[in-house]
Amino acid sequence: MKNLFTEHPNSAGQSYTEHFWFALTIAGTCLVITIVATIHSVLPMIFKNTGSTLLQQLNSKIEARDNNSAKLN
């Protein structure tokens, strides 16, 4: 029987724990981006570039992880 907790992390070149922390980091960053974008929508004079900068950094982090897992497969 396939292990439901490790099949996907292993396919991404990560252990369960590594995948857990990576996914939690993504979720936390998305939460921060949501808060920043919400504040910016009400007060457009603050956080002018913060949301987009964080989103670009998050995308780079995900792409780097994807490139690393592609090398392992």
C-alpha atoms as a PDB file:
ATOM      1  CA  MET A   1       0.000   0.000   0.000  1.00  0.00           C
ATOM      2  CA  LYS A   2       1.280   3.430  -0.883  1.00  0.00           C
ATOM      3  CA  ASN A   3       2.086   5.689   2.020  1.00  0.00           C
ATOM      4  CA  LEU A   4      -0.258   8.655   1.631  1.00  0.00           C
ATOM      5  CA  PHE A   5       1.970  10.875   3.761  1.00  0.00           C
ATOM      6  CA  THR A   6       5.218  10.326   1.855  1.00  0.00           C
ATOM      7  CA  GLU A   7       4.280   9.573  -1.766  1.00  0.00           C
ATOM      8  CA  HIS A   8       3.902  13.201  -2.867  1.00  0.00           C
ATOM      9  CA  PRO A   9       6.816  14.621  -0.818  1.00  0.00           C
ATOM     10  CA  ASN A  10       9.088  11.885  -2.206  1.00  0.00           C
ATOM     11  CA  SER A  11       7.999  12.719  -5.762  1.00  0.00           C
ATOM     12  CA  ALA A  12       9.081  16.313  -5.055  1.00  0.00           C
ATOM     13  CA  GLY A  13      12.460  15.128  -3.765  1.00  0.00           C
ATOM     14  CA  GLN A  14      11.639  15.877  -0.148  1.00  0.00           C
ATOM     15  CA  SER A  15      11.010  13.994   3.060  1.00  0.00           C
ATOM     16  CA  TYR A  16       7.661  14.409   4.772  1.00  0.00           C
ATOM     17  CA  THR A  17       9.189  16.871   7.260  1.00  0.00           C
ATOM     18  CA  GLU A  18      10.943  18.908   4.567  1.00  0.00           C
ATOM     19  CA  HIS A  19       7.735  19.101   2.555  1.00  0.00           C
ATOM     20  CA  PHE A  20       5.736  20.042   5.655  1.00  0.00           C
ATOM     21  CA  TRP A  21       7.984  23.012   6.439  1.00  0.00           C
ATOM     22  CA  PHE A  22       8.216  24.077   2.794  1.00  0.00           C
ATOM     23  CA  ALA A  23       4.422  24.038   2.403  1.00  0.00           C
ATOM     24  CA  LEU A  24       3.934  25.803   5.751  1.00  0.00           C
ATOM     25  CA  THR A  25       6.396  28.513   4.677  1.00  0.00           C
ATOM     26  CA  ILE A  26       4.447  29.001   1.448  1.00  0.00           C
ATOM     27  CA  ALA A  27       1.175  29.225   3.373  1.00  0.00           C
ATOM     28  CA  GLY A  28       2.641  31.756   5.817  1.00  0.00           C
ATOM     29  CA  THR A  29       4.023  33.889   3.003  1.00  0.00           C
ATOM     30  CA  CYS A  30       0.649  33.785   1.234  1.00  0.00           C
ATOM     31  CA  LEU A  31      -1.007  34.928   4.457  1.00  0.00           C
ATOM     32  CA  VAL A  32       1.410  37.868   4.741  1.00  0.00           C
ATOM     33  CA  ILE A  33       0.810  38.762   1.078  1.00  0.00           C
ATOM     34  CA  THR A  34      -2.954  38.661   1.676  1.00  0.00           C
ATOM     35  CA  ILE A  35      -2.691  40.985   4.677  1.00  0.00           C
ATOM     36  CA  VAL A  36      -0.353  43.388   2.856  1.00  0.00           C
ATOM     37  CA  ALA A  37      -2.582  43.467  -0.244  1.00  0.00           C
ATOM     38  CA  THR A  38      -5.692  44.044   1.868  1.00  0.00           C
ATOM     39  CA  ILE A  39      -4.087  46.951   3.702  1.00  0.00           C
ATOM     40  CA  HIS A  40      -2.792  48.336   0.396  1.00  0.00           C
ATOM     41  CA  SER A  41      -6.290  48.162  -1.110  1.00  0.00           C
ATOM     42  CA  VAL A  42      -7.590  50.466   1.629  1.00  0.00           C
ATOM     43  CA  LEU A  43      -4.470  52.616   2.015  1.00  0.00           C
ATOM     44  CA  PRO A  44      -2.776  52.593  -1.414  1.00  0.00           C
ATOM     45  CA  MET A  45      -0.021  54.918  -0.257  1.00  0.00           C
ATOM     46  CA  ILE A  46       1.599  52.149   1.820  1.00  0.00           C
ATOM     47  CA  PHE A  47       2.969  48.744   0.798  1.00  0.00           C
ATOM     48  CA  LYS A  48       3.241  50.002  -2.801  1.00  0.00           C
ATOM     49  CA  ASN A  49       5.550  47.204  -3.936  1.00  0.00           C
ATOM     50  CA  THR A  50       5.626  44.869  -0.954  1.00  0.00           C
ATOM     51  CA  GLY A  51       2.972  42.410  -2.144  1.00  0.00           C
ATOM     52  CA  SER A  52       4.392  42.002  -5.619  1.00  0.00           C
ATOM     53  CA  THR A  53       7.949  41.717  -4.280  1.00  0.00           C
ATOM     54  CA  LEU A  54       6.932  38.996  -1.818  1.00  0.00           C
ATOM     55  CA  LEU A  55       5.011  37.187  -4.542  1.00  0.00           C
ATOM     56  CA  GLN A  56       8.012  37.252  -6.886  1.00  0.00           C
ATOM     57  CA  GLN A  57      10.266  35.943  -4.105  1.00  0.00           C
ATOM     58  CA  LEU A  58       7.784  33.172  -3.353  1.00  0.00           C
ATOM     59  CA  ASN A  59       7.607  32.233  -7.028  1.00  0.00           C
ATOM     60  CA  SER A  60      11.416  32.081  -7.226  1.00  0.00           C
ATOM     61  CA  LYS A  61      11.530  29.828  -4.164  1.00  0.00           C
ATOM     62  CA  ILE A  62       8.938  27.454  -5.647  1.00  0.00           C
ATOM     63  CA  GLU A  63      10.685  27.383  -9.034  1.00  0.00           C
ATOM     64  CA  ALA A  64      14.034  26.640  -7.372  1.00  0.00           C
ATOM     65  CA  ARG A  65      12.460  23.729  -5.486  1.00  0.00           C
ATOM     66  CA  ASP A  66      10.809  22.483  -8.712  1.00  0.00           C
ATOM     67  CA  ASN A  67      14.133  22.664 -10.569  1.00  0.00           C
ATOM     68  CA  ASN A  68      15.873  20.740  -7.797  1.00  0.00           C
ATOM     69  CA  SER A  69      13.209  18.004  -7.748  1.00  0.00           C
ATOM     70  CA  ALA A  70      13.350  17.734 -11.569  1.00  0.00           C
ATOM     71  CA  LYS A  71      17.088  17.022 -11.333  1.00  0.00           C
ATOM     72  CA  LEU A  72      16.387  14.164  -8.927  1.00  0.00           C
ATOM     73  CA  ASN A  73      13.813  12.480 -11.175  1.00  0.00           C
END
